[in-house]
Structure formats: C-alpha cells, structure tokens
Amino acid sequence: MADNFRVIFAGLADNVDIKTACTNLAEKLKTSDEKVALFFKGKPLFAPSDKDKALKQAKLLASLGIKSKLQAVSNAIQNSSPHHPQTHPT
C-alpha cells in the first residue's frame, strides 16, 4: 500500500516577502489569506495525496517563490480514530 504525501511549508525564496506570497497563493488557489497564513505557520493547505499530485502542488508553490517539502503520511495515521469499540458494555 503506497503512502500519501503532504506538502509542507519550508520557507520563501530570497526575493519574496511573505505578504506578497500569501496574497498570490490565495488568489491562485481561490482561498482565503487566513488559510494560506496558517500554511506558512505549519498547518496543511492540501489534503494528503499521491506523490505525483504532491509534486505538482510543490511545483505550483515554487512558481510563486514558496519553498516546500514533501512529508510522507501513512494511510494508517490518516484513518485513525479515537475510539476502537472492541467490547460492548452489557
């Protein structure tokens, strides 16, 4: 079973300021500046996806001067739940 990948923020190119990058990315993705700002603080912007899609997302970010890296996300972690009802009270 193949792992999925999440694109995470790694920094900005030398000639890019954070406000410009935030505005440009929000416009490109048609999302809010707030969601993009959270991405810059380490929150995920994209859902985990296969490697090809994650690489395309990273390429899009790079075109806007945003450095990123891929982080493997195992399928078991994505599907975890807080309750595992194995026994039922009688």
C-alpha atoms as a PDB file:
ATOM      1  CA  MET A   1       0.000   0.000   0.000  1.00  0.00           C
ATOM      2  CA  ALA A   2       1.557   3.271  -1.106  1.00  0.00           C
ATOM      3  CA  ASP A   3       1.933   6.170   1.262  1.00  0.00           C
ATOM      4  CA  ASN A   4       0.438   9.530   0.512  1.00  0.00           C
ATOM      5  CA  PHE A   5       2.333  12.773   0.806  1.00  0.00           C
ATOM      6  CA  ARG A   6       1.584  16.142   2.310  1.00  0.00           C
ATOM      7  CA  VAL A   7       3.205  19.346   1.072  1.00  0.00           C
ATOM      8  CA  ILE A   8       4.539  21.400   3.965  1.00  0.00           C
ATOM      9  CA  PHE A   9       5.970  24.910   4.061  1.00  0.00           C
ATOM     10  CA  ALA A  10       9.773  25.141   4.136  1.00  0.00           C
ATOM     11  CA  GLY A  11      10.484  28.840   3.538  1.00  0.00           C
ATOM     12  CA  LEU A  12      10.418  31.593   0.947  1.00  0.00           C
ATOM     13  CA  ALA A  13      12.734  32.371  -1.937  1.00  0.00           C
ATOM     14  CA  ASP A  14      15.191  35.203  -1.214  1.00  0.00           C
ATOM     15  CA  ASN A  15      13.341  37.767  -3.343  1.00  0.00           C
ATOM     16  CA  VAL A  16       9.828  37.029  -1.999  1.00  0.00           C
ATOM     17  CA  ASP A  17       8.181  38.645   1.012  1.00  0.00           C
ATOM     18  CA  ILE A  18       5.550  36.798   2.998  1.00  0.00           C
ATOM     19  CA  LYS A  19       2.687  39.230   2.312  1.00  0.00           C
ATOM     20  CA  THR A  20       3.157  39.007  -1.451  1.00  0.00           C
ATOM     21  CA  ALA A  21       3.475  35.216  -1.325  1.00  0.00           C
ATOM     22  CA  CYS A  22       0.352  34.947   0.838  1.00  0.00           C
ATOM     23  CA  THR A  23      -1.722  37.144  -1.463  1.00  0.00           C
ATOM     24  CA  ASN A  24      -0.505  35.459  -4.656  1.00  0.00           C
ATOM     25  CA  LEU A  25      -1.089  31.934  -3.337  1.00  0.00           C
ATOM     26  CA  ALA A  26      -4.557  32.784  -2.014  1.00  0.00           C
ATOM     27  CA  GLU A  27      -5.516  34.218  -5.410  1.00  0.00           C
ATOM     28  CA  LYS A  28      -4.058  31.258  -7.304  1.00  0.00           C
ATOM     29  CA  LEU A  29      -5.918  28.706  -5.150  1.00  0.00           C
ATOM     30  CA  LYS A  30      -9.045  30.850  -4.758  1.00  0.00           C
ATOM     31  CA  THR A  31      -8.860  30.513  -0.978  1.00  0.00           C
ATOM     32  CA  SER A  32      -8.566  32.909   1.953  1.00  0.00           C
ATOM     33  CA  ASP A  33      -5.413  34.697   3.074  1.00  0.00           C
ATOM     34  CA  GLU A  34      -6.065  33.194   6.523  1.00  0.00           C
ATOM     35  CA  LYS A  35      -5.738  29.601   5.253  1.00  0.00           C
ATOM     36  CA  VAL A  36      -2.529  30.483   3.433  1.00  0.00           C
ATOM     37  CA  ALA A  37      -1.159  32.230   6.541  1.00  0.00           C
ATOM     38  CA  LEU A  38      -1.856  29.065   8.556  1.00  0.00           C
ATOM     39  CA  PHE A  39       0.049  27.067   5.922  1.00  0.00           C
ATOM     40  CA  PHE A  40       3.045  29.346   6.484  1.00  0.00           C
ATOM     41  CA  LYS A  41       2.751  28.538  10.212  1.00  0.00           C
ATOM     42  CA  GLY A  42       2.866  24.778   9.593  1.00  0.00           C
ATOM     43  CA  LYS A  43      -0.772  23.812   9.068  1.00  0.00           C
ATOM     44  CA  PRO A  44      -1.620  21.710   5.991  1.00  0.00           C
ATOM     45  CA  LEU A  45      -3.059  23.545   2.995  1.00  0.00           C
ATOM     46  CA  PHE A  46      -3.619  20.498   0.804  1.00  0.00           C
ATOM     47  CA  ALA A  47      -5.045  17.103   1.710  1.00  0.00           C
ATOM     48  CA  PRO A  48      -2.599  14.209   1.574  1.00  0.00           C
ATOM     49  CA  SER A  49      -2.295  12.925  -1.983  1.00  0.00           C
ATOM     50  CA  ASP A  50      -0.251  10.604  -4.152  1.00  0.00           C
ATOM     51  CA  LYS A  51       3.326  11.577  -4.914  1.00  0.00           C
ATOM     52  CA  ASP A  52       2.644  12.931  -8.420  1.00  0.00           C
ATOM     53  CA  LYS A  53      -0.089  15.273  -7.205  1.00  0.00           C
ATOM     54  CA  ALA A  54       2.017  16.393  -4.233  1.00  0.00           C
ATOM     55  CA  LEU A  55       4.920  17.167  -6.583  1.00  0.00           C
ATOM     56  CA  LYS A  56       2.592  19.261  -8.773  1.00  0.00           C
ATOM     57  CA  GLN A  57       1.460  21.168  -5.667  1.00  0.00           C
ATOM     58  CA  ALA A  58       5.105  21.762  -4.693  1.00  0.00           C
ATOM     59  CA  LYS A  59       5.868  22.956  -8.242  1.00  0.00           C
ATOM     60  CA  LEU A  60       2.961  25.428  -8.065  1.00  0.00           C
ATOM     61  CA  LEU A  61       4.277  26.765  -4.759  1.00  0.00           C
ATOM     62  CA  ALA A  62       7.801  27.055  -6.208  1.00  0.00           C
ATOM     63  CA  SER A  63       6.462  29.105  -9.136  1.00  0.00           C
ATOM     64  CA  LEU A  64       5.267  31.634  -6.534  1.00  0.00           C
ATOM     65  CA  GLY A  65       8.578  31.688  -4.665  1.00  0.00           C
ATOM     66  CA  ILE A  66       7.405  29.403  -1.865  1.00  0.00           C
ATOM     67  CA  LYS A  67       9.723  26.594  -0.796  1.00  0.00           C
ATOM     68  CA  SER A  68       8.109  23.376   0.358  1.00  0.00           C
ATOM     69  CA  LYS A  69       8.910  19.770   1.071  1.00  0.00           C
ATOM     70  CA  LEU A  70       7.006  16.532   0.886  1.00  0.00           C
ATOM     71  CA  GLN A  71       6.185  14.646   4.044  1.00  0.00           C
ATOM     72  CA  ALA A  72       5.101  11.015   3.834  1.00  0.00           C
ATOM     73  CA  VAL A  73       1.795  10.321   5.555  1.00  0.00           C
ATOM     74  CA  SER A  74       0.968   6.690   6.182  1.00  0.00           C
ATOM     75  CA  ASN A  75      -2.549   5.532   5.455  1.00  0.00           C
ATOM     76  CA  ALA A  76      -2.893   4.166   8.991  1.00  0.00           C
ATOM     77  CA  ILE A  77      -2.410   7.625  10.511  1.00  0.00           C
ATOM     78  CA  GLN A  78      -4.987   9.205   8.196  1.00  0.00           C
ATOM     79  CA  ASN A  79      -7.583   6.627   9.176  1.00  0.00           C
ATOM     80  CA  SER A  80      -7.067   6.687  12.933  1.00  0.00           C
ATOM     81  CA  SER A  81      -9.998   7.308  15.214  1.00  0.00           C
ATOM     82  CA  PRO A  82     -10.076   7.996  18.958  1.00  0.00           C
ATOM     83  CA  HIS A  83     -12.473   5.127  19.729  1.00  0.00           C
ATOM     84  CA  HIS A  84     -11.966   1.486  18.910  1.00  0.00           C
ATOM     85  CA  PRO A  85     -15.131  -0.219  20.150  1.00  0.00           C
ATOM     86  CA  GLN A  86     -13.983  -3.790  20.522  1.00  0.00           C
ATOM     87  CA  THR A  87     -16.058  -4.595  23.579  1.00  0.00           C
ATOM     88  CA  HIS A  88     -19.586  -3.501  24.295  1.00  0.00           C
ATOM     89  CA  PRO A  89     -20.830  -2.860  27.849  1.00  0.00           C
ATOM     90  CA  THR A  90     -23.560  -5.231  28.959  1.00  0.00           C
END
